């Protein structure tokens, strides 16, 4: 079974604050729905000020009747087919190293604060996809500097029509690995 690992320093799904989180969550859920083993490593502490979000995360999971385990500063739960773990910021890199050895993922996705370091740690063992500025981009990256856009879409097995499209640069869609569940489509410029 193909395996994907999402690693970043923000909260894992479903705790969203913007477009990066939505994009990451949709991609993780689509991979899980396509039969991939998907693990999402994040932090319950904000990368910009270290403020913990554990209380809010527990309350949300409880309200939605999502079982979770909590031990040694780590909150673990399953969300829409994705195994999620929220750790303290100072444990993210160590946990990434452990998961790389344990899971042997086919790809690691990373983005946002500290992604260059996470990509650097993962790159010797697997394909890395993400945005890691100011470091050189990883193997497969979405580049906002590219002025044309495309869509990455999962195709319905019944109709062959795309479902849940995610915007991506044409640079990214041209480099997308060929899979029967992944199609690229051209899209008009949003501006």
N, C-alpha and C. Protein backbone atom coordinates (compact mmCIF):
# COMPACT_ATOMS: atom_id res chain seq x y z
N UNK A 1 0.85 -1.17 0.00
CA UNK A 1 0.00 0.00 0.00
C UNK A 1 0.90 1.24 0.00
N UNK A 2 0.65 2.18 -0.92
CA UNK A 2 1.44 3.41 -0.90
C UNK A 2 1.19 4.19 0.39
N UNK A 3 2.22 4.90 0.83
CA UNK A 3 2.15 5.62 2.10
C UNK A 3 2.57 7.06 1.92
N UNK A 4 1.79 7.97 2.49
CA UNK A 4 2.11 9.41 2.46
C UNK A 4 2.20 9.92 3.89
N UNK A 5 3.17 10.77 4.12
CA UNK A 5 3.35 11.41 5.43
C UNK A 5 3.31 12.92 5.23
N UNK A 6 2.41 13.57 5.93
CA UNK A 6 2.34 15.03 5.94
C UNK A 6 3.04 15.49 7.20
N UNK A 7 3.98 16.40 7.06
CA UNK A 7 4.73 16.87 8.22
C UNK A 7 4.86 18.38 8.16
N UNK A 8 4.36 19.03 9.19
CA UNK A 8 4.54 20.47 9.29
C UNK A 8 4.39 20.91 10.73
N UNK A 9 4.54 22.21 10.97
CA UNK A 9 4.55 22.72 12.34
C UNK A 9 3.23 23.38 12.74
N UNK A 10 2.22 23.26 11.92
CA UNK A 10 0.88 23.76 12.26
C UNK A 10 0.03 22.60 12.74
N UNK A 11 -1.23 22.90 13.11
CA UNK A 11 -2.11 21.85 13.60
C UNK A 11 -2.52 20.92 12.46
N UNK A 12 -2.70 19.64 12.78
CA UNK A 12 -3.21 18.71 11.77
C UNK A 12 -4.71 18.91 11.56
N UNK A 13 -5.27 18.30 10.52
CA UNK A 13 -6.72 18.42 10.30
C UNK A 13 -7.49 17.94 11.53
N UNK A 14 -8.65 18.49 11.73
CA UNK A 14 -9.42 19.42 10.91
C UNK A 14 -9.28 20.86 11.40
N UNK A 15 -8.23 21.18 12.10
CA UNK A 15 -8.07 22.49 12.74
C UNK A 15 -7.43 23.45 11.75
N UNK A 16 -8.28 24.22 11.07
CA UNK A 16 -7.86 25.01 9.93
C UNK A 16 -7.89 26.50 10.21
N UNK A 17 -6.89 27.20 9.68
CA UNK A 17 -6.87 28.65 9.81
C UNK A 17 -6.75 29.34 8.46
N UNK A 18 -6.52 28.59 7.38
CA UNK A 18 -6.37 29.23 6.09
C UNK A 18 -6.26 28.23 4.95
N UNK A 19 -5.93 28.76 3.78
CA UNK A 19 -5.89 27.96 2.57
C UNK A 19 -4.87 26.84 2.57
N UNK A 20 -3.70 27.06 3.17
CA UNK A 20 -2.69 26.00 3.21
C UNK A 20 -3.22 24.79 3.95
N UNK A 21 -3.90 25.02 5.07
CA UNK A 21 -4.44 23.92 5.85
C UNK A 21 -5.53 23.18 5.10
N UNK A 22 -6.39 23.92 4.40
CA UNK A 22 -7.47 23.30 3.63
C UNK A 22 -6.87 22.44 2.52
N UNK A 23 -5.91 22.97 1.78
CA UNK A 23 -5.28 22.24 0.70
C UNK A 23 -4.62 20.97 1.21
N UNK A 24 -3.86 21.08 2.29
CA UNK A 24 -3.19 19.91 2.86
C UNK A 24 -4.21 18.86 3.30
N UNK A 25 -5.28 19.30 3.97
CA UNK A 25 -6.30 18.36 4.45
C UNK A 25 -6.97 17.65 3.28
N UNK A 26 -7.38 18.40 2.25
CA UNK A 26 -8.04 17.78 1.10
C UNK A 26 -7.13 16.75 0.41
N UNK A 27 -5.88 17.09 0.25
CA UNK A 27 -4.94 16.17 -0.38
C UNK A 27 -4.78 14.91 0.48
N UNK A 28 -4.62 15.08 1.79
CA UNK A 28 -4.48 13.93 2.69
C UNK A 28 -5.72 13.04 2.63
N UNK A 29 -6.90 13.63 2.68
CA UNK A 29 -8.14 12.85 2.65
C UNK A 29 -8.34 12.15 1.30
N UNK A 30 -7.98 12.80 0.20
CA UNK A 30 -8.12 12.18 -1.11
C UNK A 30 -7.15 11.00 -1.26
N UNK A 31 -5.94 11.14 -0.77
CA UNK A 31 -4.99 10.03 -0.82
C UNK A 31 -5.52 8.85 0.02
N UNK A 32 -6.05 9.14 1.20
CA UNK A 32 -6.61 8.09 2.05
C UNK A 32 -7.78 7.41 1.35
N UNK A 33 -8.65 8.19 0.71
CA UNK A 33 -9.79 7.63 -0.01
C UNK A 33 -9.36 6.78 -1.20
N UNK A 34 -8.19 7.09 -1.75
CA UNK A 34 -7.66 6.33 -2.89
C UNK A 34 -6.91 5.07 -2.44
N UNK A 35 -6.89 4.81 -1.14
CA UNK A 35 -6.27 3.59 -0.64
C UNK A 35 -4.87 3.75 -0.10
N UNK A 36 -4.38 4.97 0.02
CA UNK A 36 -3.06 5.20 0.60
C UNK A 36 -3.15 5.14 2.12
N UNK A 37 -2.06 4.76 2.76
CA UNK A 37 -1.92 4.91 4.20
C UNK A 37 -1.40 6.33 4.40
N UNK A 38 -2.16 7.14 5.13
CA UNK A 38 -1.81 8.56 5.29
C UNK A 38 -1.67 8.90 6.77
N UNK A 39 -0.53 9.47 7.11
CA UNK A 39 -0.26 9.95 8.46
C UNK A 39 0.02 11.43 8.40
N UNK A 40 -0.53 12.17 9.35
CA UNK A 40 -0.38 13.63 9.39
C UNK A 40 0.28 14.02 10.70
N UNK A 41 1.50 14.53 10.62
CA UNK A 41 2.26 14.97 11.78
C UNK A 41 2.22 16.49 11.85
N UNK A 42 1.77 17.02 12.98
CA UNK A 42 1.71 18.46 13.17
C UNK A 42 1.98 18.80 14.61
N UNK A 43 1.66 20.02 14.98
CA UNK A 43 1.89 20.48 16.35
C UNK A 43 0.64 21.14 16.90
N UNK A 44 0.42 20.97 18.19
CA UNK A 44 -0.70 21.67 18.84
C UNK A 44 -0.24 23.02 19.38
N UNK A 45 1.01 23.37 19.13
CA UNK A 45 1.54 24.69 19.51
C UNK A 45 1.75 25.51 18.25
N UNK A 46 1.25 26.73 18.25
CA UNK A 46 1.41 27.61 17.09
C UNK A 46 2.89 27.87 16.83
N UNK A 47 3.33 27.78 15.56
CA UNK A 47 4.75 28.00 15.27
C UNK A 47 5.19 29.45 15.44
N UNK A 48 4.24 30.38 15.45
CA UNK A 48 4.61 31.80 15.53
C UNK A 48 4.70 32.30 16.96
N UNK A 49 4.00 31.68 17.92
CA UNK A 49 4.10 32.17 19.31
C UNK A 49 4.15 31.06 20.35
N UNK A 50 4.07 29.80 19.92
CA UNK A 50 4.15 28.68 20.85
C UNK A 50 2.90 28.43 21.67
N UNK A 51 1.85 29.21 21.43
CA UNK A 51 0.62 29.04 22.20
C UNK A 51 -0.03 27.68 21.93
N UNK A 52 -0.40 27.00 23.00
CA UNK A 52 -1.00 25.67 22.83
C UNK A 52 -2.46 25.78 22.41
N UNK A 53 -2.88 24.84 21.60
CA UNK A 53 -4.26 24.77 21.13
C UNK A 53 -4.91 23.47 21.58
N UNK A 54 -4.27 22.79 22.55
CA UNK A 54 -4.77 21.50 23.01
C UNK A 54 -6.20 21.55 23.54
N UNK A 55 -6.52 22.54 24.34
CA UNK A 55 -7.86 22.63 24.92
C UNK A 55 -8.92 22.71 23.83
N UNK A 56 -8.71 23.57 22.86
CA UNK A 56 -9.66 23.71 21.75
C UNK A 56 -9.72 22.45 20.90
N UNK A 57 -8.59 21.81 20.68
CA UNK A 57 -8.55 20.59 19.88
C UNK A 57 -9.34 19.48 20.57
N UNK A 58 -9.09 19.29 21.87
CA UNK A 58 -9.82 18.26 22.63
C UNK A 58 -11.33 18.52 22.58
N UNK A 59 -11.72 19.78 22.78
CA UNK A 59 -13.14 20.13 22.80
C UNK A 59 -13.78 19.83 21.44
N UNK A 60 -13.10 20.17 20.36
CA UNK A 60 -13.64 19.93 19.02
C UNK A 60 -13.78 18.42 18.76
N UNK A 61 -12.76 17.67 19.09
CA UNK A 61 -12.81 16.22 18.88
C UNK A 61 -13.94 15.60 19.71
N UNK A 62 -14.07 16.06 20.95
CA UNK A 62 -15.13 15.56 21.83
C UNK A 62 -16.51 15.88 21.26
N UNK A 63 -16.71 17.13 20.83
CA UNK A 63 -18.00 17.54 20.24
C UNK A 63 -18.38 16.70 19.02
N UNK A 64 -17.37 16.30 18.26
CA UNK A 64 -17.60 15.54 17.03
C UNK A 64 -17.47 14.02 17.25
N UNK A 65 -17.40 13.65 18.52
CA UNK A 65 -17.33 12.22 18.90
C UNK A 65 -16.19 11.49 18.21
N UNK A 66 -15.05 12.14 18.12
CA UNK A 66 -13.85 11.54 17.55
C UNK A 66 -12.99 11.04 18.71
N UNK A 67 -12.77 9.74 18.81
CA UNK A 67 -11.93 9.23 19.89
C UNK A 67 -10.49 9.71 19.70
N UNK A 68 -9.82 9.96 20.81
CA UNK A 68 -8.42 10.38 20.75
C UNK A 68 -7.67 9.82 21.93
N UNK A 69 -6.35 9.75 21.78
CA UNK A 69 -5.45 9.36 22.85
C UNK A 69 -4.51 10.52 23.09
N UNK A 70 -4.15 10.69 24.34
CA UNK A 70 -3.20 11.75 24.68
C UNK A 70 -2.21 11.22 25.69
N UNK A 71 -0.94 11.34 25.35
CA UNK A 71 0.13 10.91 26.26
C UNK A 71 1.40 11.66 25.92
N UNK A 72 2.14 12.03 26.95
CA UNK A 72 3.45 12.68 26.79
C UNK A 72 3.42 13.88 25.84
N UNK A 73 2.37 14.69 25.93
CA UNK A 73 2.28 15.89 25.11
C UNK A 73 1.87 15.66 23.67
N UNK A 74 1.41 14.45 23.34
CA UNK A 74 0.99 14.13 21.99
C UNK A 74 -0.48 13.74 21.98
N UNK A 75 -1.23 14.35 21.06
CA UNK A 75 -2.63 14.06 20.86
C UNK A 75 -2.76 13.27 19.55
N UNK A 76 -3.33 12.06 19.62
CA UNK A 76 -3.48 11.20 18.44
C UNK A 76 -4.95 10.90 18.20
N UNK A 77 -5.36 10.93 16.92
CA UNK A 77 -6.75 10.66 16.54
C UNK A 77 -6.79 10.34 15.05
N UNK A 78 -7.91 9.87 14.58
CA UNK A 78 -8.12 9.57 13.16
C UNK A 78 -9.21 10.50 12.63
N UNK A 79 -8.93 11.17 11.51
CA UNK A 79 -9.88 12.10 10.92
C UNK A 79 -10.05 11.78 9.44
N UNK A 80 -11.23 11.38 9.03
CA UNK A 80 -11.54 11.08 7.62
C UNK A 80 -10.50 10.17 6.97
N UNK A 81 -10.12 9.12 7.67
CA UNK A 81 -9.19 8.14 7.13
C UNK A 81 -7.73 8.49 7.30
N UNK A 82 -7.43 9.61 7.94
CA UNK A 82 -6.06 10.08 8.12
C UNK A 82 -5.66 9.95 9.58
N UNK A 83 -4.54 9.26 9.85
CA UNK A 83 -4.01 9.17 11.21
C UNK A 83 -3.32 10.49 11.53
N UNK A 84 -3.73 11.16 12.59
CA UNK A 84 -3.19 12.48 12.94
C UNK A 84 -2.47 12.43 14.28
N UNK A 85 -1.39 13.19 14.39
CA UNK A 85 -0.67 13.34 15.65
C UNK A 85 -0.27 14.80 15.80
N UNK A 86 -0.62 15.39 16.93
CA UNK A 86 -0.25 16.78 17.25
C UNK A 86 0.70 16.74 18.44
N UNK A 87 1.91 17.23 18.24
CA UNK A 87 2.95 17.19 19.25
C UNK A 87 3.36 18.60 19.66
N UNK A 88 4.25 18.69 20.62
CA UNK A 88 4.86 19.98 20.94
C UNK A 88 5.85 20.33 19.81
N UNK A 89 6.12 21.60 19.62
CA UNK A 89 7.03 22.03 18.56
C UNK A 89 8.40 21.35 18.69
N UNK A 90 8.91 21.23 19.91
CA UNK A 90 10.26 20.69 20.07
C UNK A 90 10.34 19.19 19.80
N UNK A 91 9.22 18.53 19.56
CA UNK A 91 9.24 17.09 19.26
C UNK A 91 8.95 16.76 17.79
N UNK A 92 8.63 17.76 16.98
CA UNK A 92 8.24 17.49 15.59
C UNK A 92 9.37 16.84 14.80
N UNK A 93 10.59 17.37 14.87
CA UNK A 93 11.69 16.82 14.08
C UNK A 93 12.02 15.39 14.50
N UNK A 94 12.06 15.13 15.81
CA UNK A 94 12.34 13.78 16.30
C UNK A 94 11.26 12.80 15.84
N UNK A 95 10.00 13.21 15.95
CA UNK A 95 8.88 12.36 15.52
C UNK A 95 8.96 12.09 14.02
N UNK A 96 9.33 13.10 13.23
CA UNK A 96 9.48 12.91 11.79
C UNK A 96 10.52 11.83 11.51
N UNK A 97 11.66 11.91 12.18
CA UNK A 97 12.70 10.90 11.99
C UNK A 97 12.21 9.50 12.32
N UNK A 98 11.47 9.39 13.41
CA UNK A 98 10.93 8.08 13.80
C UNK A 98 9.93 7.56 12.77
N UNK A 99 9.04 8.44 12.31
CA UNK A 99 8.02 8.03 11.34
C UNK A 99 8.63 7.67 9.98
N UNK A 100 9.70 8.34 9.59
CA UNK A 100 10.36 8.00 8.33
C UNK A 100 10.86 6.56 8.36
N UNK A 101 11.43 6.15 9.51
CA UNK A 101 11.91 4.78 9.64
C UNK A 101 10.79 3.77 9.79
N UNK A 102 9.77 4.13 10.54
CA UNK A 102 8.65 3.23 10.81
C UNK A 102 7.74 3.04 9.59
N UNK A 103 7.35 4.14 8.95
CA UNK A 103 6.38 4.08 7.85
C UNK A 103 7.02 3.84 6.49
N UNK A 104 8.26 4.28 6.31
CA UNK A 104 8.92 4.26 5.01
C UNK A 104 8.00 4.85 3.93
N UNK A 105 7.60 6.12 4.09
CA UNK A 105 6.62 6.71 3.16
C UNK A 105 7.15 6.84 1.73
N UNK A 106 6.22 6.76 0.78
CA UNK A 106 6.57 6.98 -0.62
C UNK A 106 6.80 8.46 -0.89
N UNK A 107 6.13 9.31 -0.11
CA UNK A 107 6.26 10.76 -0.28
C UNK A 107 6.00 11.44 1.06
N UNK A 108 6.72 12.53 1.30
CA UNK A 108 6.47 13.40 2.45
C UNK A 108 6.04 14.76 1.90
N UNK A 109 4.90 15.24 2.38
CA UNK A 109 4.41 16.57 2.02
C UNK A 109 4.70 17.51 3.18
N UNK A 110 5.21 18.70 2.86
CA UNK A 110 5.48 19.68 3.91
C UNK A 110 5.24 21.08 3.36
N UNK A 111 4.96 22.02 4.26
CA UNK A 111 4.72 23.41 3.85
C UNK A 111 4.80 24.30 5.08
N UNK A 112 4.86 25.58 4.82
CA UNK A 112 4.79 26.63 5.84
C UNK A 112 6.04 26.71 6.71
N UNK A 113 5.88 27.24 7.91
CA UNK A 113 7.01 27.52 8.80
C UNK A 113 7.85 26.28 9.06
N UNK A 114 9.16 26.42 8.87
CA UNK A 114 10.07 25.32 9.18
C UNK A 114 10.07 24.20 8.16
N UNK A 115 9.39 24.37 7.04
CA UNK A 115 9.30 23.28 6.07
C UNK A 115 10.64 22.95 5.42
N UNK A 116 11.51 23.94 5.27
CA UNK A 116 12.82 23.67 4.67
C UNK A 116 13.59 22.66 5.51
N UNK A 117 13.53 22.80 6.82
CA UNK A 117 14.23 21.86 7.71
C UNK A 117 13.58 20.47 7.67
N UNK A 118 12.25 20.41 7.65
CA UNK A 118 11.56 19.12 7.60
C UNK A 118 11.86 18.42 6.26
N UNK A 119 11.88 19.18 5.17
CA UNK A 119 12.21 18.61 3.86
C UNK A 119 13.64 18.09 3.85
N UNK A 120 14.55 18.84 4.45
CA UNK A 120 15.95 18.44 4.52
C UNK A 120 16.10 17.11 5.27
N UNK A 121 15.34 16.93 6.34
CA UNK A 121 15.40 15.70 7.12
C UNK A 121 14.83 14.51 6.34
N UNK A 122 13.78 14.73 5.56
CA UNK A 122 13.11 13.64 4.85
C UNK A 122 13.77 13.28 3.53
N UNK A 123 14.37 14.24 2.88
CA UNK A 123 14.85 14.06 1.51
C UNK A 123 15.84 12.90 1.33
N UNK A 124 16.71 12.58 2.27
CA UNK A 124 17.61 11.44 2.04
C UNK A 124 16.90 10.09 1.95
N UNK A 125 15.67 9.99 2.43
CA UNK A 125 15.01 8.69 2.47
C UNK A 125 13.80 8.57 1.55
N UNK A 126 13.25 9.68 1.04
CA UNK A 126 12.02 9.60 0.26
C UNK A 126 11.83 10.84 -0.61
N UNK A 127 10.85 10.78 -1.47
CA UNK A 127 10.44 11.93 -2.27
C UNK A 127 9.81 12.96 -1.35
N UNK A 128 10.14 14.22 -1.56
CA UNK A 128 9.58 15.30 -0.74
C UNK A 128 8.82 16.25 -1.65
N UNK A 129 7.59 16.57 -1.25
CA UNK A 129 6.75 17.50 -1.99
C UNK A 129 6.37 18.62 -1.06
N UNK A 130 6.59 19.85 -1.49
CA UNK A 130 6.20 20.96 -0.65
C UNK A 130 6.86 22.24 -1.04
N UNK A 131 6.65 23.21 -0.21
CA UNK A 131 7.18 24.53 -0.42
C UNK A 131 8.17 24.81 0.68
N UNK A 132 9.42 24.97 0.31
CA UNK A 132 10.44 25.17 1.33
C UNK A 132 11.28 26.38 0.98
N UNK A 133 10.79 27.53 1.24
CA UNK A 133 11.54 28.74 0.99
C UNK A 133 12.19 29.16 2.30
N UNK A 134 13.35 29.78 2.30
CA UNK A 134 14.15 30.20 1.16
C UNK A 134 15.10 29.13 0.64
N UNK A 135 15.09 27.93 1.19
CA UNK A 135 15.96 26.86 0.71
C UNK A 135 15.59 26.48 -0.72
N UNK A 136 16.47 25.78 -1.43
CA UNK A 136 16.09 25.30 -2.77
C UNK A 136 14.86 24.42 -2.67
N UNK A 137 14.00 24.45 -3.70
CA UNK A 137 12.76 23.67 -3.63
C UNK A 137 13.03 22.18 -3.58
N UNK A 138 12.15 21.42 -2.88
CA UNK A 138 12.28 19.97 -2.89
C UNK A 138 11.96 19.41 -4.28
N UNK A 139 11.99 18.10 -4.41
CA UNK A 139 11.82 17.44 -5.71
C UNK A 139 10.57 17.86 -6.45
N UNK A 140 9.47 18.02 -5.74
CA UNK A 140 8.18 18.28 -6.38
C UNK A 140 7.53 19.41 -5.61
N UNK A 141 7.46 20.61 -6.19
CA UNK A 141 6.99 21.76 -5.42
C UNK A 141 5.98 22.57 -6.20
N UNK A 142 5.09 23.19 -5.46
CA UNK A 142 4.15 24.12 -6.06
C UNK A 142 4.80 25.49 -6.00
N UNK A 143 4.99 26.11 -7.11
CA UNK A 143 5.68 27.38 -7.15
C UNK A 143 4.72 28.53 -7.43
N UNK A 144 4.57 29.47 -6.47
CA UNK A 144 3.68 30.59 -6.72
C UNK A 144 4.23 31.56 -7.75
N UNK A 145 5.50 31.43 -8.10
CA UNK A 145 6.10 32.33 -9.07
C UNK A 145 5.64 32.01 -10.49
N UNK A 146 5.13 30.82 -10.70
CA UNK A 146 4.67 30.42 -12.03
C UNK A 146 3.31 31.06 -12.28
N UNK A 147 3.15 31.86 -13.35
CA UNK A 147 1.93 32.63 -13.53
C UNK A 147 0.73 31.86 -14.06
N UNK A 148 0.87 30.60 -14.46
CA UNK A 148 -0.28 29.85 -14.96
C UNK A 148 -0.73 28.85 -13.92
N UNK A 149 -2.01 28.50 -13.98
CA UNK A 149 -2.59 27.62 -12.97
C UNK A 149 -3.18 26.38 -13.61
N UNK A 150 -3.27 25.32 -12.83
CA UNK A 150 -3.95 24.11 -13.23
C UNK A 150 -4.68 23.56 -12.03
N UNK A 151 -5.27 22.41 -12.20
CA UNK A 151 -5.98 21.77 -11.10
C UNK A 151 -5.50 20.34 -10.97
N UNK A 152 -5.27 19.89 -9.76
CA UNK A 152 -5.05 18.48 -9.49
C UNK A 152 -6.39 17.93 -9.05
N UNK A 153 -6.84 16.88 -9.71
CA UNK A 153 -8.17 16.35 -9.44
C UNK A 153 -8.11 14.85 -9.26
N UNK A 154 -8.90 14.35 -8.35
CA UNK A 154 -9.11 12.91 -8.25
C UNK A 154 -10.28 12.60 -9.17
N UNK A 155 -10.12 11.61 -10.04
CA UNK A 155 -11.20 11.25 -10.96
C UNK A 155 -12.09 10.18 -10.34
N UNK A 156 -13.37 10.35 -10.55
CA UNK A 156 -14.35 9.36 -10.07
C UNK A 156 -14.16 8.07 -10.84
N UNK A 157 -14.11 6.93 -10.15
CA UNK A 157 -13.94 5.65 -10.83
C UNK A 157 -15.17 5.30 -11.66
N UNK A 158 -16.34 5.82 -11.30
CA UNK A 158 -17.56 5.52 -12.04
C UNK A 158 -17.66 6.33 -13.34
N UNK A 159 -17.38 7.62 -13.25
CA UNK A 159 -17.61 8.49 -14.41
C UNK A 159 -16.34 8.95 -15.09
N UNK A 160 -15.21 8.88 -14.41
CA UNK A 160 -13.97 9.41 -14.96
C UNK A 160 -13.88 10.92 -14.87
N UNK A 161 -14.91 11.58 -14.33
CA UNK A 161 -14.91 13.03 -14.20
C UNK A 161 -14.19 13.44 -12.92
N UNK A 162 -13.50 14.58 -12.92
CA UNK A 162 -12.76 15.02 -11.74
C UNK A 162 -13.68 15.37 -10.57
N UNK A 163 -13.21 15.09 -9.38
CA UNK A 163 -13.92 15.46 -8.16
C UNK A 163 -12.95 16.19 -7.25
N UNK A 164 -13.45 17.08 -6.41
CA UNK A 164 -12.66 17.82 -5.43
C UNK A 164 -11.35 18.37 -6.00
N UNK A 165 -11.43 19.24 -7.00
CA UNK A 165 -10.20 19.77 -7.58
C UNK A 165 -9.47 20.68 -6.59
N UNK A 166 -8.15 20.64 -6.66
CA UNK A 166 -7.31 21.51 -5.84
C UNK A 166 -6.45 22.36 -6.77
N UNK A 167 -6.45 23.69 -6.60
CA UNK A 167 -5.63 24.53 -7.48
C UNK A 167 -4.16 24.26 -7.26
N UNK A 168 -3.42 24.26 -8.34
CA UNK A 168 -1.97 24.07 -8.28
C UNK A 168 -1.36 24.79 -9.47
N UNK A 169 -0.11 25.17 -9.36
CA UNK A 169 0.55 25.82 -10.48
C UNK A 169 0.72 24.82 -11.61
N UNK A 170 0.81 25.31 -12.84
CA UNK A 170 1.04 24.45 -13.98
C UNK A 170 2.37 23.73 -13.81
N UNK A 171 3.34 24.39 -13.22
CA UNK A 171 4.63 23.77 -12.93
C UNK A 171 4.41 22.50 -12.12
N UNK A 172 3.54 22.56 -11.13
CA UNK A 172 3.26 21.41 -10.27
C UNK A 172 2.47 20.35 -11.02
N UNK A 173 1.44 20.74 -11.75
CA UNK A 173 0.61 19.75 -12.42
C UNK A 173 1.40 19.00 -13.50
N UNK A 174 2.36 19.67 -14.15
CA UNK A 174 3.17 18.98 -15.16
C UNK A 174 4.07 17.94 -14.52
N UNK A 175 4.42 18.12 -13.25
CA UNK A 175 5.33 17.21 -12.57
C UNK A 175 4.62 16.18 -11.68
N UNK A 176 3.30 16.20 -11.72
CA UNK A 176 2.53 15.27 -10.90
C UNK A 176 2.77 13.84 -11.37
N UNK A 177 2.98 12.93 -10.42
CA UNK A 177 3.17 11.55 -10.82
C UNK A 177 1.90 11.01 -11.48
N UNK A 178 2.07 10.12 -12.43
CA UNK A 178 0.93 9.55 -13.15
C UNK A 178 0.30 8.45 -12.30
N UNK A 179 -0.94 8.64 -11.93
CA UNK A 179 -1.72 7.65 -11.20
C UNK A 179 -3.10 7.62 -11.83
N UNK A 180 -3.77 6.48 -11.76
CA UNK A 180 -5.10 6.41 -12.35
C UNK A 180 -6.10 7.29 -11.62
N UNK A 181 -5.83 7.65 -10.36
CA UNK A 181 -6.77 8.46 -9.58
C UNK A 181 -6.46 9.95 -9.65
N UNK A 182 -5.39 10.32 -10.35
CA UNK A 182 -4.98 11.72 -10.38
C UNK A 182 -4.97 12.22 -11.82
N UNK A 183 -5.62 13.32 -12.06
CA UNK A 183 -5.64 13.92 -13.39
C UNK A 183 -5.31 15.41 -13.24
N UNK A 184 -4.74 15.96 -14.28
CA UNK A 184 -4.50 17.40 -14.26
C UNK A 184 -5.39 18.04 -15.31
N UNK A 185 -5.84 19.22 -15.01
CA UNK A 185 -6.73 19.97 -15.91
C UNK A 185 -6.21 21.40 -15.97
N UNK A 186 -6.39 22.03 -17.12
CA UNK A 186 -6.05 23.45 -17.23
C UNK A 186 -7.17 24.27 -16.61
N UNK A 187 -6.82 25.40 -16.09
CA UNK A 187 -7.83 26.27 -15.49
C UNK A 187 -7.53 27.71 -15.89
N UNK A 188 -8.56 28.52 -16.06
CA UNK A 188 -8.32 29.93 -16.38
C UNK A 188 -7.67 30.65 -15.20
N UNK A 189 -6.97 31.71 -15.53
CA UNK A 189 -6.32 32.52 -14.48
C UNK A 189 -7.37 33.13 -13.57
N UNK A 190 -7.14 33.12 -12.25
CA UNK A 190 -8.09 33.73 -11.33
C UNK A 190 -8.00 35.24 -11.31
N UNK A 191 -7.02 35.81 -11.98
CA UNK A 191 -6.86 37.26 -11.99
C UNK A 191 -6.72 37.81 -13.37
